[in-house]
C-alpha atoms as a PDB file:
ATOM      1  CA  MET A   1       9.980  20.626 -20.821  1.00  0.00           C
ATOM      2  CA  ALA A   2       9.996  18.115 -18.418  1.00  0.00           C
ATOM      3  CA  GLU A   3       6.847  19.975 -16.757  1.00  0.00           C
ATOM      4  CA  LYS A   4       4.591  18.600 -19.383  1.00  0.00           C
ATOM      5  CA  ASN A   5       5.225  15.375 -18.090  1.00  0.00           C
ATOM      6  CA  MET A   6       4.118  16.407 -15.033  1.00  0.00           C
ATOM      7  CA  MET A   7       0.719  16.538 -12.904  1.00  0.00           C
ATOM      8  CA  GLU A   8      -0.261  18.735  -9.841  1.00  0.00           C
ATOM      9  CA  PHE A   9      -2.445  17.949  -7.656  1.00  0.00           C
ATOM     10  CA  GLN A  10      -4.017  18.662  -3.818  1.00  0.00           C
ATOM     11  CA  THR A  11      -3.712  16.602  -1.247  1.00  0.00           C
ATOM     12  CA  ARG A  12      -3.848  17.248   2.981  1.00  0.00           C
ATOM     13  CA  LEU A  13      -0.769  18.604   3.258  1.00  0.00           C
ATOM     14  CA  GLY A  14      -0.466  20.927  -0.058  1.00  0.00           C
ATOM     15  CA  PRO A  15      -0.549  20.786  -3.805  1.00  0.00           C
ATOM     16  CA  GLN A  16       2.040  17.761  -4.977  1.00  0.00           C
ATOM     17  CA  LYS A  17       3.711  16.746  -7.922  1.00  0.00           C
ATOM     18  CA  VAL A  18       4.157  13.807 -10.158  1.00  0.00           C
ATOM     19  CA  SER A  19       5.681  12.285 -13.225  1.00  0.00           C
ATOM     20  CA  LEU A  20       2.809  11.159 -15.248  1.00  0.00           C
ATOM     21  CA  ASP A  21       4.566   7.763 -15.366  1.00  0.00           C
ATOM     22  CA  ARG A  22       4.657   6.982 -11.755  1.00  0.00           C
ATOM     23  CA  ILE A  23       0.687   6.975 -11.942  1.00  0.00           C
ATOM     24  CA  ILE A  24      -0.544   3.856 -10.532  1.00  0.00           C
ATOM     25  CA  ARG A  25      -4.505   2.749 -12.379  1.00  0.00           C
ATOM     26  CA  PHE A  26      -5.975   0.879  -9.872  1.00  0.00           C
ATOM     27  CA  PRO A  27      -8.709  -0.870 -12.241  1.00  0.00           C
ATOM     28  CA  LYS A  28     -11.214  -1.808  -9.053  1.00  0.00           C
ATOM     29  CA  GLY A  29     -10.293   0.725  -6.892  1.00  0.00           C
ATOM     30  CA  LEU A  30      -9.238   0.180  -3.335  1.00  0.00           C
ATOM     31  CA  ILE A  31     -11.534  -1.423  -0.480  1.00  0.00           C
ATOM     32  CA  GLY A  32     -14.250   1.032   0.447  1.00  0.00           C
ATOM     33  CA  TYR A  33     -12.939   2.812  -2.476  1.00  0.00           C
ATOM     34  CA  GLU A  34     -13.715   1.516  -4.804  1.00  0.00           C
ATOM     35  CA  GLY A  35     -14.531   4.532  -7.211  1.00  0.00           C
ATOM     36  CA  ARG A  36     -11.096   5.718  -7.054  1.00  0.00           C
ATOM     37  CA  ARG A  37      -8.714   4.445  -9.623  1.00  0.00           C
ATOM     38  CA  ASP A  38      -5.797   6.855  -9.819  1.00  0.00           C
ATOM     39  CA  PHE A  39      -3.499   6.917  -6.959  1.00  0.00           C
ATOM     40  CA  ALA A  40       0.335   8.283  -6.598  1.00  0.00           C
ATOM     41  CA  LEU A  41       3.200   6.778  -3.716  1.00  0.00           C
ATOM     42  CA  LEU A  42       4.930   9.751  -2.224  1.00  0.00           C
ATOM     43  CA  GLN A  43       7.210   9.735   0.118  1.00  0.00           C
ATOM     44  CA  ILE A  44       6.644  11.246   3.477  1.00  0.00           C
ATOM     45  CA  ARG A  45      10.363  12.183   3.890  1.00  0.00           C
ATOM     46  CA  ASP A  46      13.875  10.189   3.380  1.00  0.00           C
ATOM     47  CA  GLY A  47      14.877   7.775   5.698  1.00  0.00           C
ATOM     48  CA  VAL A  48      11.012   7.293   6.754  1.00  0.00           C
ATOM     49  CA  PRO A  49       9.780   3.343   5.858  1.00  0.00           C
ATOM     50  CA  PHE A  50       6.268   4.756   5.311  1.00  0.00           C
ATOM     51  CA  LEU A  51       4.790   6.486   1.748  1.00  0.00           C
ATOM     52  CA  ILE A  52       1.336   7.631   1.004  1.00  0.00           C
ATOM     53  CA  LEU A  53      -0.335   5.939  -1.527  1.00  0.00           C
ATOM     54  CA  GLN A  54      -2.209   9.284  -2.641  1.00  0.00           C
ATOM     55  CA  SER A  55      -5.634   9.716  -4.851  1.00  0.00           C
ATOM     56  CA  LEU A  56      -5.235  12.034  -7.789  1.00  0.00           C
ATOM     57  CA  GLU A  57      -9.403  11.741  -7.971  1.00  0.00           C
ATOM     58  CA  ASP A  58      -9.527  12.729  -4.278  1.00  0.00           C
ATOM     59  CA  PRO A  59      -7.518  15.211  -2.188  1.00  0.00           C
ATOM     60  CA  SER A  60      -8.877  13.822   0.969  1.00  0.00           C
ATOM     61  CA  LEU A  61      -7.749  10.182   0.832  1.00  0.00           C
ATOM     62  CA  GLY A  62      -4.209   9.223   1.228  1.00  0.00           C
ATOM     63  CA  LEU A  63      -3.633   5.904   2.902  1.00  0.00           C
ATOM     64  CA  MET A  64       0.145   5.874   5.086  1.00  0.00           C
ATOM     65  CA  VAL A  65       1.365   2.285   3.592  1.00  0.00           C
ATOM     66  CA  ALA A  66       4.773   0.467   4.306  1.00  0.00           C
ATOM     67  CA  ASP A  67       6.194  -2.420   2.596  1.00  0.00           C
ATOM     68  CA  PRO A  68       5.777  -5.489   5.181  1.00  0.00           C
ATOM     69  CA  TYR A  69       8.559  -7.366   4.765  1.00  0.00           C
ATOM     70  CA  SER A  70      10.512  -4.117   6.445  1.00  0.00           C
ATOM     71  CA  PHE A  71       9.243  -5.391   9.365  1.00  0.00           C
ATOM     72  CA  ILE A  72       8.692  -9.159   9.038  1.00  0.00           C
ATOM     73  CA  THR A  73       9.675 -11.847   6.864  1.00  0.00           C
ATOM     74  CA  ASN A  74       7.461 -14.725   7.047  1.00  0.00           C
ATOM     75  CA  PHE A  75       4.460 -12.531   5.035  1.00  0.00           C
ATOM     76  CA  SER A  76       3.122 -14.210   1.909  1.00  0.00           C
ATOM     77  CA  VAL A  77       0.768 -12.842   0.141  1.00  0.00           C
ATOM     78  CA  ARG A  78      -1.895 -15.406  -2.631  1.00  0.00           C
ATOM     79  CA  LEU A  79      -2.435 -14.208  -5.710  1.00  0.00           C
ATOM     80  CA  ASN A  80      -5.122 -16.164  -8.396  1.00  0.00           C
ATOM     81  CA  ASP A  81      -4.947 -16.877 -11.472  1.00  0.00           C
ATOM     82  CA  THR A  82      -7.186 -14.032 -12.332  1.00  0.00           C
ATOM     83  CA  GLU A  83      -5.416 -11.404 -10.115  1.00  0.00           C
ATOM     84  CA  GLN A  84      -2.469 -12.350 -12.152  1.00  0.00           C
ATOM     85  CA  ALA A  85      -3.952 -11.462 -15.145  1.00  0.00           C
ATOM     86  CA  MET A  86      -5.282  -8.250 -13.775  1.00  0.00           C
ATOM     87  CA  LEU A  87      -1.658  -7.009 -12.753  1.00  0.00           C
ATOM     88  CA  SER A  88       0.108  -8.140 -15.719  1.00  0.00           C
ATOM     89  CA  VAL A  89       2.346 -10.160 -13.851  1.00  0.00           C
ATOM     90  CA  ASP A  90       4.477 -12.843 -14.987  1.00  0.00           C
ATOM     91  CA  ARG A  91       7.300 -13.090 -12.512  1.00  0.00           C
ATOM     92  CA  PRO A  92       6.984 -12.269  -8.633  1.00  0.00           C
ATOM     93  CA  GLU A  93      10.153  -9.724  -9.523  1.00  0.00           C
ATOM     94  CA  GLN A  94       7.859  -7.657 -11.191  1.00  0.00           C
ATOM     95  CA  VAL A  95       5.486  -6.856  -8.032  1.00  0.00           C
ATOM     96  CA  SER A  96       6.183  -5.026  -4.694  1.00  0.00           C
ATOM     97  CA  VAL A  97       3.636  -5.499  -1.893  1.00  0.00           C
ATOM     98  CA  LEU A  98       2.506  -2.435   0.452  1.00  0.00           C
ATOM     99  CA  VAL A  99       0.316  -2.854   3.092  1.00  0.00           C
ATOM    100  CA  THR A 100      -1.866   0.131   4.997  1.00  0.00           C
ATOM    101  CA  VAL A 101      -0.134   1.180   8.180  1.00  0.00           C
ATOM    102  CA  SER A 102      -2.945   2.883  11.114  1.00  0.00           C
ATOM    103  CA  ILE A 103      -1.430   4.759  13.876  1.00  0.00           C
ATOM    104  CA  PRO A 104      -4.031   6.017  16.348  1.00  0.00           C
ATOM    105  CA  ALA A 105      -3.645   9.423  17.634  1.00  0.00           C
ATOM    106  CA  GLY A 106      -2.010  10.028  20.238  1.00  0.00           C
ATOM    107  CA  LYS A 107      -1.111   6.495  20.229  1.00  0.00           C
ATOM    108  CA  PRO A 108       2.307   6.082  18.306  1.00  0.00           C
ATOM    109  CA  GLU A 109       3.516   2.802  19.987  1.00  0.00           C
ATOM    110  CA  ASP A 110      -0.276   1.285  18.866  1.00  0.00           C
ATOM    111  CA  THR A 111       1.206   1.438  15.495  1.00  0.00           C
ATOM    112  CA  THR A 112      -0.052  -1.264  13.256  1.00  0.00           C
ATOM    113  CA  LEU A 113       0.415  -3.315   9.360  1.00  0.00           C
ATOM    114  CA  ASN A 114      -3.216  -4.336   8.302  1.00  0.00           C
ATOM    115  CA  LEU A 115      -1.743  -7.771   6.836  1.00  0.00           C
ATOM    116  CA  THR A 116      -5.901  -8.632   5.362  1.00  0.00           C
ATOM    117  CA  GLY A 117      -5.704  -6.021   2.544  1.00  0.00           C
ATOM    118  CA  PRO A 118      -2.347  -5.890   1.004  1.00  0.00           C
ATOM    119  CA  ILE A 119      -1.774  -3.730  -1.982  1.00  0.00           C
ATOM    120  CA  ILE A 120       0.129  -5.093  -5.092  1.00  0.00           C
ATOM    121  CA  ILE A 121       1.812  -3.437  -7.643  1.00  0.00           C
ATOM    122  CA  ASN A 122       3.359  -3.836 -11.209  1.00  0.00           C
ATOM    123  CA  HIS A 123       5.212  -0.664 -11.270  1.00  0.00           C
ATOM    124  CA  GLU A 124       6.608  -2.111 -15.106  1.00  0.00           C
ATOM    125  CA  ALA A 125       2.432  -1.651 -16.284  1.00  0.00           C
ATOM    126  CA  ARG A 126       1.800   0.889 -13.366  1.00  0.00           C
ATOM    127  CA  ILE A 127      -1.218  -1.562 -12.038  1.00  0.00           C
ATOM    128  CA  GLY A 128      -2.497  -1.930  -8.657  1.00  0.00           C
ATOM    129  CA  LEU A 129      -4.376  -4.043  -7.048  1.00  0.00           C
ATOM    130  CA  GLN A 130      -6.045  -4.519  -3.689  1.00  0.00           C
ATOM    131  CA  VAL A 131      -5.559  -8.590  -2.510  1.00  0.00           C
ATOM    132  CA  ALA A 132      -8.147  -9.432   0.368  1.00  0.00           C
ATOM    133  CA  GLN A 133      -6.009 -12.163   2.040  1.00  0.00           C
ATOM    134  CA  SER A 134      -7.817 -14.962   4.205  1.00  0.00           C
ATOM    135  CA  ASP A 135      -5.110 -17.477   5.512  1.00  0.00           C
ATOM    136  CA  PRO A 136      -5.846 -18.174   9.268  1.00  0.00           C
ATOM    137  CA  GLN A 137      -2.179 -19.424   9.485  1.00  0.00           C
ATOM    138  CA  GLN A 138      -1.206 -15.347   8.672  1.00  0.00           C
ATOM    139  CA  PRO A 139      -1.913 -12.547  11.289  1.00  0.00           C
ATOM    140  CA  GLY A 140      -4.242  -9.950  10.507  1.00  0.00           C
ATOM    141  CA  LYS A 141      -2.109  -7.303  11.556  1.00  0.00           C
ATOM    142  CA  VAL A 142       0.864  -6.731  13.653  1.00  0.00           C
ATOM    143  CA  PHE A 143       2.285  -4.300  15.770  1.00  0.00           C
ATOM    144  CA  LEU A 144       5.227  -2.608  15.520  1.00  0.00           C
ATOM    145  CA  ARG A 145       6.650  -1.594  19.260  1.00  0.00           C
ATOM    146  CA  LYS A 146      10.115   0.230  19.367  1.00  0.00           C
ATOM    147  CA  GLY A 147      12.786  -1.599  20.970  1.00  0.00           C
ATOM    148  CA  GLN A 148      10.752  -4.726  20.559  1.00  0.00           C
ATOM    149  CA  GLU A 149      10.461  -7.793  18.176  1.00  0.00           C
ATOM    150  CA  VAL A 150       7.394  -7.293  16.382  1.00  0.00           C
ATOM    151  CA  LYS A 151       4.289  -8.791  17.875  1.00  0.00           C
ATOM    152  CA  LYS A 152       1.502 -10.436  15.669  1.00  0.00           C
ATOM    153  CA  GLU A 153      -2.083 -10.040  16.582  1.00  0.00           C
ATOM    154  CA  ALA A 154      -3.371 -13.750  16.971  1.00  0.00           C
ATOM    155  CA  GLY A 155      -5.744 -15.296  13.528  1.00  0.00           C
ATOM    156  CA  PRO A 156      -8.524 -16.904  13.605  1.00  0.00           C
ATOM    157  CA  GLY A 157      -8.868 -20.018  15.752  1.00  0.00           C
ATOM    158  CA  GLU A 158      -5.263 -19.375  17.096  1.00  0.00           C
END
């Protein structure tokens, strides 16, 4: 019976299943992928701080994402009134924040978190929005280096 509440879809890693109540709708799509609206968060494996934000419409579109607060504490996201309304947000606790992760081929030591386009998800409403940030006081990205403090890349004017 539970199978009727599940959706099976293809990814680059093969077929996946997700509960229909875990599908996240992005009314505006994602930056660069505005035509893609329905996504699911897939866990890579237990104990790994990274997830895949997988398009349900395009098997080749899966973005590695992470909770930035697992790595840095002084990161803030600004939402305007329109963005808050689109996300149906009344309280900050309703949303989670994710950022995209870049791991250059053959150079895992150069893994970075992109802080300029955080992805905000209201899991209760199952709505997501990517919100461009342009605060010159915040770094554009941070490097994740094993055994080191998180290194920030200087923002404009620094």
